[in-house]
Amino acid sequence: MYEVFVNDHPIVLTNIITKELKHKLFLLESVDLEEVIRQLNKGEIPAAHLYHPDAGQLFEKFCRKIPVVVAAGGLVSNPAGEVLFIFRNGKWDLPKGKLEKKESVEEAAIREVEEETGIRKLKLGPLLNKTYHIFRRNGEYRLKETYWFSMSSTFTGKFRPQCEEGIEKVEWKKVSEIPLVLGNSYANIRTLFAN
């Protein structure tokens, strides 16, 4: 099973048919994905399940319907246990960005976190999760597959928000502040803190 977000509305890729209570069921083979996205964005349906009987082919068949952009980013903590957040487009987010040619996801994660925040002294930890969300660029929907890594840093210098990427602020947030921050964030970011 995969969960793909359209803003805060989930599209669940599944090989199990469940009774429709809080979602609408579509057949993956014949679904008009743009229509599903439109219904989710308009609030006509709260969630969508896209069904295909073969669990091993779910993601591959979904990716045939939408171009995929691979990205990487980091959930960065410091010795005080604070977490690094960026503020962009009116929401709190974590630093991330798309891979460049011949770049590994690990290299991209470090580069993007440094570029978007100005942080240094990053130490890469393990892969935490992959998240998926749909966005629109140049009139076309795309699926962003983001590899999220745990990172740590002892950096105490001044942050440099990447203004050309629309980043207004970069801040360390205490553990006690994270629930409030996540209340003004994205569903795919909240999944990283769910465990």
C-alpha atoms as a PDB file:
ATOM      1  CA  MET A   1       0.000   0.000   0.000  1.00  0.00           C
ATOM      2  CA  TYR A   2       1.192   3.503  -0.856  1.00  0.00           C
ATOM      3  CA  GLU A   3      -0.190   6.831   0.317  1.00  0.00           C
ATOM      4  CA  VAL A   4       0.102   9.813  -2.029  1.00  0.00           C
ATOM      5  CA  PHE A   5      -1.032  13.252  -0.898  1.00  0.00           C
ATOM      6  CA  VAL A   6      -2.853  15.921  -2.863  1.00  0.00           C
ATOM      7  CA  ASN A   7      -2.468  18.777  -0.389  1.00  0.00           C
ATOM      8  CA  ASP A   8      -3.806  17.073   2.773  1.00  0.00           C
ATOM      9  CA  HIS A   9      -6.041  14.598   0.940  1.00  0.00           C
ATOM     10  CA  PRO A  10      -4.737  11.036   0.538  1.00  0.00           C
ATOM     11  CA  ILE A  11      -4.776   8.834  -2.517  1.00  0.00           C
ATOM     12  CA  VAL A  12      -4.217   5.279  -1.314  1.00  0.00           C
ATOM     13  CA  LEU A  13      -2.835   2.747  -3.785  1.00  0.00           C
ATOM     14  CA  THR A  14      -4.187  -0.595  -2.646  1.00  0.00           C
ATOM     15  CA  ASN A  15      -4.804  -4.194  -3.684  1.00  0.00           C
ATOM     16  CA  ILE A  16      -7.606  -4.577  -1.119  1.00  0.00           C
ATOM     17  CA  ILE A  17     -11.193  -3.544  -1.750  1.00  0.00           C
ATOM     18  CA  THR A  18     -12.780  -2.003   1.330  1.00  0.00           C
ATOM     19  CA  LYS A  19     -16.243  -0.635   1.917  1.00  0.00           C
ATOM     20  CA  GLU A  20     -16.426   3.017   0.939  1.00  0.00           C
ATOM     21  CA  LEU A  21     -16.979   5.004   4.109  1.00  0.00           C
ATOM     22  CA  LYS A  22     -14.586   7.949   3.999  1.00  0.00           C
ATOM     23  CA  HIS A  23     -13.134   7.449   0.544  1.00  0.00           C
ATOM     24  CA  LYS A  24     -14.110   6.805  -3.043  1.00  0.00           C
ATOM     25  CA  LEU A  25     -12.816   3.690  -4.813  1.00  0.00           C
ATOM     26  CA  PHE A  26     -11.423   3.834  -8.365  1.00  0.00           C
ATOM     27  CA  LEU A  27      -9.887   1.151 -10.573  1.00  0.00           C
ATOM     28  CA  LEU A  28      -6.241   2.069 -11.156  1.00  0.00           C
ATOM     29  CA  GLU A  29      -6.232   0.723 -14.729  1.00  0.00           C
ATOM     30  CA  SER A  30      -9.033   3.011 -15.934  1.00  0.00           C
ATOM     31  CA  VAL A  31      -8.926   5.972 -13.528  1.00  0.00           C
ATOM     32  CA  ASP A  32      -8.823   9.534 -14.839  1.00  0.00           C
ATOM     33  CA  LEU A  33      -6.182  10.747 -12.384  1.00  0.00           C
ATOM     34  CA  GLU A  34      -6.705  14.437 -13.185  1.00  0.00           C
ATOM     35  CA  GLU A  35     -10.400  14.059 -12.346  1.00  0.00           C
ATOM     36  CA  VAL A  36      -9.552  12.395  -9.010  1.00  0.00           C
ATOM     37  CA  ILE A  37      -7.129  15.228  -8.201  1.00  0.00           C
ATOM     38  CA  ARG A  38      -9.794  17.795  -9.143  1.00  0.00           C
ATOM     39  CA  GLN A  39     -12.364  16.122  -6.864  1.00  0.00           C
ATOM     40  CA  LEU A  40      -9.874  16.035  -3.967  1.00  0.00           C
ATOM     41  CA  ASN A  41      -8.859  19.685  -4.459  1.00  0.00           C
ATOM     42  CA  LYS A  42     -12.508  20.806  -4.607  1.00  0.00           C
ATOM     43  CA  GLY A  43     -13.387  18.860  -1.459  1.00  0.00           C
ATOM     44  CA  GLU A  44     -15.893  16.707  -3.337  1.00  0.00           C
ATOM     45  CA  ILE A  45     -14.238  13.607  -1.854  1.00  0.00           C
ATOM     46  CA  PRO A  46     -12.042  13.469   1.281  1.00  0.00           C
ATOM     47  CA  ALA A  47      -9.852  10.586   0.024  1.00  0.00           C
ATOM     48  CA  ALA A  48      -9.458   8.222  -2.914  1.00  0.00           C
ATOM     49  CA  HIS A  49      -8.442   4.574  -3.095  1.00  0.00           C
ATOM     50  CA  LEU A  50      -6.976   3.365  -6.391  1.00  0.00           C
ATOM     51  CA  TYR A  51      -7.343  -0.401  -6.653  1.00  0.00           C
ATOM     52  CA  HIS A  52      -5.262  -2.923  -8.564  1.00  0.00           C
ATOM     53  CA  PRO A  53      -5.230  -6.628  -7.618  1.00  0.00           C
ATOM     54  CA  ASP A  54      -1.438  -7.036  -7.900  1.00  0.00           C
ATOM     55  CA  ALA A  55       0.292  -5.315  -4.958  1.00  0.00           C
ATOM     56  CA  GLY A  56       3.659  -5.637  -6.671  1.00  0.00           C
ATOM     57  CA  GLN A  57       2.498  -3.571  -9.649  1.00  0.00           C
ATOM     58  CA  LEU A  58       0.572  -0.822  -7.819  1.00  0.00           C
ATOM     59  CA  PHE A  59       3.249   1.845  -7.772  1.00  0.00           C
ATOM     60  CA  GLU A  60       4.631   1.073 -11.237  1.00  0.00           C
ATOM     61  CA  LYS A  61       1.172   1.308 -12.827  1.00  0.00           C
ATOM     62  CA  PHE A  62       0.434   4.537 -10.939  1.00  0.00           C
ATOM     63  CA  CYS A  63       3.713   6.079 -12.162  1.00  0.00           C
ATOM     64  CA  ARG A  64       2.670   5.394 -15.773  1.00  0.00           C
ATOM     65  CA  LYS A  65      -0.151   7.903 -15.238  1.00  0.00           C
ATOM     66  CA  ILE A  66       1.951  10.801 -13.916  1.00  0.00           C
ATOM     67  CA  PRO A  67       5.554  12.007 -14.365  1.00  0.00           C
ATOM     68  CA  VAL A  68       7.756  11.327 -11.322  1.00  0.00           C
ATOM     69  CA  VAL A  69      10.214  13.814  -9.788  1.00  0.00           C
ATOM     70  CA  VAL A  70      12.679  12.283  -7.322  1.00  0.00           C
ATOM     71  CA  ALA A  71      13.698  14.486  -4.401  1.00  0.00           C
ATOM     72  CA  ALA A  72      15.554  14.152  -1.115  1.00  0.00           C
ATOM     73  CA  GLY A  73      15.641  16.041   2.151  1.00  0.00           C
ATOM     74  CA  GLY A  74      16.380  15.879   5.809  1.00  0.00           C
ATOM     75  CA  LEU A  75      14.914  15.846   9.264  1.00  0.00           C
ATOM     76  CA  VAL A  76      17.805  17.626  11.000  1.00  0.00           C
ATOM     77  CA  SER A  77      18.302  17.675  14.763  1.00  0.00           C
ATOM     78  CA  ASN A  78      20.886  19.398  16.931  1.00  0.00           C
ATOM     79  CA  PRO A  79      22.486  18.317  20.251  1.00  0.00           C
ATOM     80  CA  ALA A  80      19.630  20.035  22.156  1.00  0.00           C
ATOM     81  CA  GLY A  81      17.124  17.759  20.387  1.00  0.00           C
ATOM     82  CA  GLU A  82      15.612  20.605  18.368  1.00  0.00           C
ATOM     83  CA  VAL A  83      14.449  20.028  14.773  1.00  0.00           C
ATOM     84  CA  LEU A  84      15.219  22.294  11.823  1.00  0.00           C
ATOM     85  CA  PHE A  85      12.173  23.670   9.951  1.00  0.00           C
ATOM     86  CA  ILE A  86      11.744  26.049   7.040  1.00  0.00           C
ATOM     87  CA  PHE A  87       8.768  28.366   6.497  1.00  0.00           C
ATOM     88  CA  ARG A  88       7.594  28.663   2.882  1.00  0.00           C
ATOM     89  CA  ASN A  89       4.264  29.374   1.186  1.00  0.00           C
ATOM     90  CA  GLY A  90       2.618  30.051   4.552  1.00  0.00           C
ATOM     91  CA  LYS A  91       3.488  26.616   5.978  1.00  0.00           C
ATOM     92  CA  TRP A  92       6.228  24.948   7.995  1.00  0.00           C
ATOM     93  CA  ASP A  93       8.148  22.384   5.996  1.00  0.00           C
ATOM     94  CA  LEU A  94      11.400  20.450   6.029  1.00  0.00           C
ATOM     95  CA  PRO A  95      14.206  21.225   3.574  1.00  0.00           C
ATOM     96  CA  LYS A  96      14.205  19.097   0.420  1.00  0.00           C
ATOM     97  CA  GLY A  97      14.657  19.318  -3.322  1.00  0.00           C
ATOM     98  CA  LYS A  98      14.985  17.364  -6.525  1.00  0.00           C
ATOM     99  CA  LEU A  99      18.014  15.365  -7.531  1.00  0.00           C
ATOM    100  CA  GLU A 100      20.468  16.694 -10.068  1.00  0.00           C
ATOM    101  CA  LYS A 101      21.871  14.495 -12.845  1.00  0.00           C
ATOM    102  CA  LYS A 102      24.094  11.646 -11.608  1.00  0.00           C
ATOM    103  CA  GLU A 103      23.472  12.632  -7.972  1.00  0.00           C
ATOM    104  CA  SER A 104      22.585  10.036  -5.331  1.00  0.00           C
ATOM    105  CA  VAL A 105      19.634  10.601  -2.991  1.00  0.00           C
ATOM    106  CA  GLU A 106      22.099  10.945  -0.104  1.00  0.00           C
ATOM    107  CA  GLU A 107      24.118  13.625  -1.929  1.00  0.00           C
ATOM    108  CA  ALA A 108      20.947  15.481  -2.919  1.00  0.00           C
ATOM    109  CA  ALA A 109      19.598  15.414   0.634  1.00  0.00           C
ATOM    110  CA  ILE A 110      22.756  17.019   2.058  1.00  0.00           C
ATOM    111  CA  ARG A 111      23.033  19.566  -0.783  1.00  0.00           C
ATOM    112  CA  GLU A 112      19.375  20.611  -0.606  1.00  0.00           C
ATOM    113  CA  VAL A 113      19.361  21.025   3.184  1.00  0.00           C
ATOM    114  CA  GLU A 114      22.524  23.155   2.975  1.00  0.00           C
ATOM    115  CA  GLU A 115      21.216  25.254   0.038  1.00  0.00           C
ATOM    116  CA  GLU A 116      17.781  25.905   1.515  1.00  0.00           C
ATOM    117  CA  THR A 117      18.934  26.757   5.041  1.00  0.00           C
ATOM    118  CA  GLY A 118      22.600  27.734   5.011  1.00  0.00           C
ATOM    119  CA  ILE A 119      23.325  25.097   7.671  1.00  0.00           C
ATOM    120  CA  ARG A 120      26.722  23.381   7.761  1.00  0.00           C
ATOM    121  CA  LYS A 121      28.341  20.525   9.696  1.00  0.00           C
ATOM    122  CA  LEU A 122      25.644  18.069   8.576  1.00  0.00           C
ATOM    123  CA  LYS A 123      25.999  14.418   9.428  1.00  0.00           C
ATOM    124  CA  LEU A 124      23.845  12.052   7.382  1.00  0.00           C
ATOM    125  CA  GLY A 125      21.905   9.389   9.273  1.00  0.00           C
ATOM    126  CA  PRO A 126      19.650   6.587   8.051  1.00  0.00           C
ATOM    127  CA  LEU A 127      16.784   6.799   5.573  1.00  0.00           C
ATOM    128  CA  LEU A 128      13.632   7.506   7.588  1.00  0.00           C
ATOM    129  CA  ASN A 129      10.932   7.151   4.977  1.00  0.00           C
ATOM    130  CA  LYS A 130       9.786   7.980   1.483  1.00  0.00           C
ATOM    131  CA  THR A 131       6.789  10.269   1.006  1.00  0.00           C
ATOM    132  CA  TYR A 132       4.709  11.007  -2.058  1.00  0.00           C
ATOM    133  CA  HIS A 133       2.731  14.078  -3.021  1.00  0.00           C
ATOM    134  CA  ILE A 134       1.246  15.509  -6.191  1.00  0.00           C
ATOM    135  CA  PHE A 135       1.980  19.053  -7.282  1.00  0.00           C
ATOM    136  CA  ARG A 136       1.352  21.114 -10.382  1.00  0.00           C
ATOM    137  CA  ARG A 137       4.160  22.658 -12.445  1.00  0.00           C
ATOM    138  CA  ASN A 138       3.688  24.423 -15.789  1.00  0.00           C
ATOM    139  CA  GLY A 139       0.086  23.214 -15.977  1.00  0.00           C
ATOM    140  CA  GLU A 140       1.004  19.556 -15.530  1.00  0.00           C
ATOM    141  CA  TYR A 141       0.580  17.342 -12.479  1.00  0.00           C
ATOM    142  CA  ARG A 142       3.672  15.546 -11.202  1.00  0.00           C
ATOM    143  CA  LEU A 143       4.360  13.038  -8.442  1.00  0.00           C
ATOM    144  CA  LYS A 144       7.173  13.979  -6.065  1.00  0.00           C
ATOM    145  CA  GLU A 145       8.831  10.968  -4.457  1.00  0.00           C
ATOM    146  CA  THR A 146      10.925  12.294  -1.569  1.00  0.00           C
ATOM    147  CA  TYR A 147      13.594  10.319   0.292  1.00  0.00           C
ATOM    148  CA  TRP A 148      13.845  11.630   3.873  1.00  0.00           C
ATOM    149  CA  PHE A 149      17.022  11.125   5.879  1.00  0.00           C
ATOM    150  CA  SER A 150      17.748  11.630   9.531  1.00  0.00           C
ATOM    151  CA  MET A 151      20.514  14.213   9.911  1.00  0.00           C
ATOM    152  CA  SER A 152      22.310  15.932  12.750  1.00  0.00           C
ATOM    153  CA  SER A 153      24.350  19.106  13.034  1.00  0.00           C
ATOM    154  CA  THR A 154      26.260  21.068  15.645  1.00  0.00           C
ATOM    155  CA  PHE A 155      25.883  24.254  13.555  1.00  0.00           C
ATOM    156  CA  THR A 156      25.320  27.398  15.652  1.00  0.00           C
ATOM    157  CA  GLY A 157      25.798  30.047  12.959  1.00  0.00           C
ATOM    158  CA  LYS A 158      23.286  32.255  11.194  1.00  0.00           C
ATOM    159  CA  PHE A 159      20.844  30.591   8.810  1.00  0.00           C
ATOM    160  CA  ARG A 160      20.468  31.819   5.224  1.00  0.00           C
ATOM    161  CA  PRO A 161      16.962  31.037   3.936  1.00  0.00           C
ATOM    162  CA  GLN A 162      17.010  30.400   0.181  1.00  0.00           C
ATOM    163  CA  CYS A 163      14.767  33.311  -0.852  1.00  0.00           C
ATOM    164  CA  GLU A 164      14.653  32.315  -4.529  1.00  0.00           C
ATOM    165  CA  GLU A 165      12.913  29.111  -3.389  1.00  0.00           C
ATOM    166  CA  GLY A 166      10.353  31.144  -1.429  1.00  0.00           C
ATOM    167  CA  ILE A 167      11.818  30.253   1.966  1.00  0.00           C
ATOM    168  CA  GLU A 168      11.107  33.049   4.436  1.00  0.00           C
ATOM    169  CA  LYS A 169      12.485  31.578   7.678  1.00  0.00           C
ATOM    170  CA  VAL A 170      14.722  28.802   8.958  1.00  0.00           C
ATOM    171  CA  GLU A 171      14.366  27.920  12.652  1.00  0.00           C
ATOM    172  CA  TRP A 172      15.217  25.283  15.205  1.00  0.00           C
ATOM    173  CA  LYS A 173      12.018  24.112  16.928  1.00  0.00           C
ATOM    174  CA  LYS A 174      11.934  22.526  20.362  1.00  0.00           C
ATOM    175  CA  VAL A 175      10.188  19.167  20.735  1.00  0.00           C
ATOM    176  CA  SER A 176       7.388  20.910  22.679  1.00  0.00           C
ATOM    177  CA  GLU A 177       6.802  23.267  19.695  1.00  0.00           C
ATOM    178  CA  ILE A 178       6.595  20.557  17.039  1.00  0.00           C
ATOM    179  CA  PRO A 179       2.875  19.699  17.446  1.00  0.00           C
ATOM    180  CA  LEU A 180       1.972  23.371  16.858  1.00  0.00           C
ATOM    181  CA  VAL A 181       4.336  23.570  13.877  1.00  0.00           C
ATOM    182  CA  LEU A 182       2.859  20.389  12.377  1.00  0.00           C
ATOM    183  CA  GLY A 183      -0.606  21.917  12.692  1.00  0.00           C
ATOM    184  CA  ASN A 184       0.495  24.354   9.976  1.00  0.00           C
ATOM    185  CA  SER A 185       2.425  21.900   7.813  1.00  0.00           C
ATOM    186  CA  TYR A 186       1.740  19.227   5.200  1.00  0.00           C
ATOM    187  CA  ALA A 187       0.327  15.740   5.654  1.00  0.00           C
ATOM    188  CA  ASN A 188       3.437  14.088   4.211  1.00  0.00           C
ATOM    189  CA  ILE A 189       5.630  15.979   6.721  1.00  0.00           C
ATOM    190  CA  ARG A 190       3.367  14.909   9.613  1.00  0.00           C
ATOM    191  CA  THR A 191       3.911  11.244   8.623  1.00  0.00           C
ATOM    192  CA  LEU A 192       7.635  11.618   9.419  1.00  0.00           C
ATOM    193  CA  PHE A 193       6.755  12.457  13.040  1.00  0.00           C
ATOM    194  CA  ALA A 194       4.032   9.805  13.439  1.00  0.00           C
ATOM    195  CA  ASN A 195       6.322   7.061  14.765  1.00  0.00           C
END
